Amino acid sequence: MNKLKFTNPFTIILAFSTLFIVLCLFMLLNMGRWLVIYDPIPENLDLIVTFAGEQRRVAYSRELAMKFPQSSWILSDYKNGYSRLLRKSNFNMSRVHIVDTCQNTVSEIDAVAKWIKNNQQKFSEKSRISIGLVSSPYHMRRIQLIVKKQFKNSDFSFHYLPVPLERYKWTNKMLKYWWRTGAVSRVVISEFQKIIYFLLIY
């Protein structure tokens, strides 16, 4: 009877280490495209949520608000920031709830959850609330991770509606090869760090 041959432990460790490095490299190379989530614009939106940041987010959210005039709009904004420009443009501010106390994306989503809880009467006749989330394309994956944690037991319909890529003068090819373009590589690395931080802390 042949004796069982035991594989050298060093060989096993080397094989698993190599596999781990290959997987990490694969994930890293695809990070740019993984960060971006684009849902189609739904037939209806009851609530639009705009995450704080550049003016493009507000402008695109306004387009959605005009497309869905019955929707409410939560705008995370810095004090006297883009909301002031909305007022000057004669936008109907009765539809807009300004949040200017948030420090990060987690606190923004917490504020959304609190607002929905305090305004349930607005949606009393709705069987399912349709919520559009607006931010930059590279921000959407982190938003999705936080939303899934915050609203894991809810029956809301979340739609990830980032500002169109072309408004940043970016292309899908730039995301695919994200390390080749300075502006893209900076945001990809930054988002990767923030996602790791969120997964470790929250």
Foldseek 3Di string as FASTA:
>chain_A
DDDDDDDDVVVVVVVVVVVVVVVVVVCVLQLLVVLFDAFPDDPAAQEEEFDDDDPLQVVVSVVVCVVHVNHAYEYEYAVCPVVVVCVVVVHPCVRYDYHHPDDDLLVSVVVVVVVCVVPVVSCVVPPEHEYEYEDARSNQVLNVVSCCVVQVPPRHHYGYHYRDPCVVVDDPVCSSRVVVDDVSVVSSVVSVVVSVVVVVPD
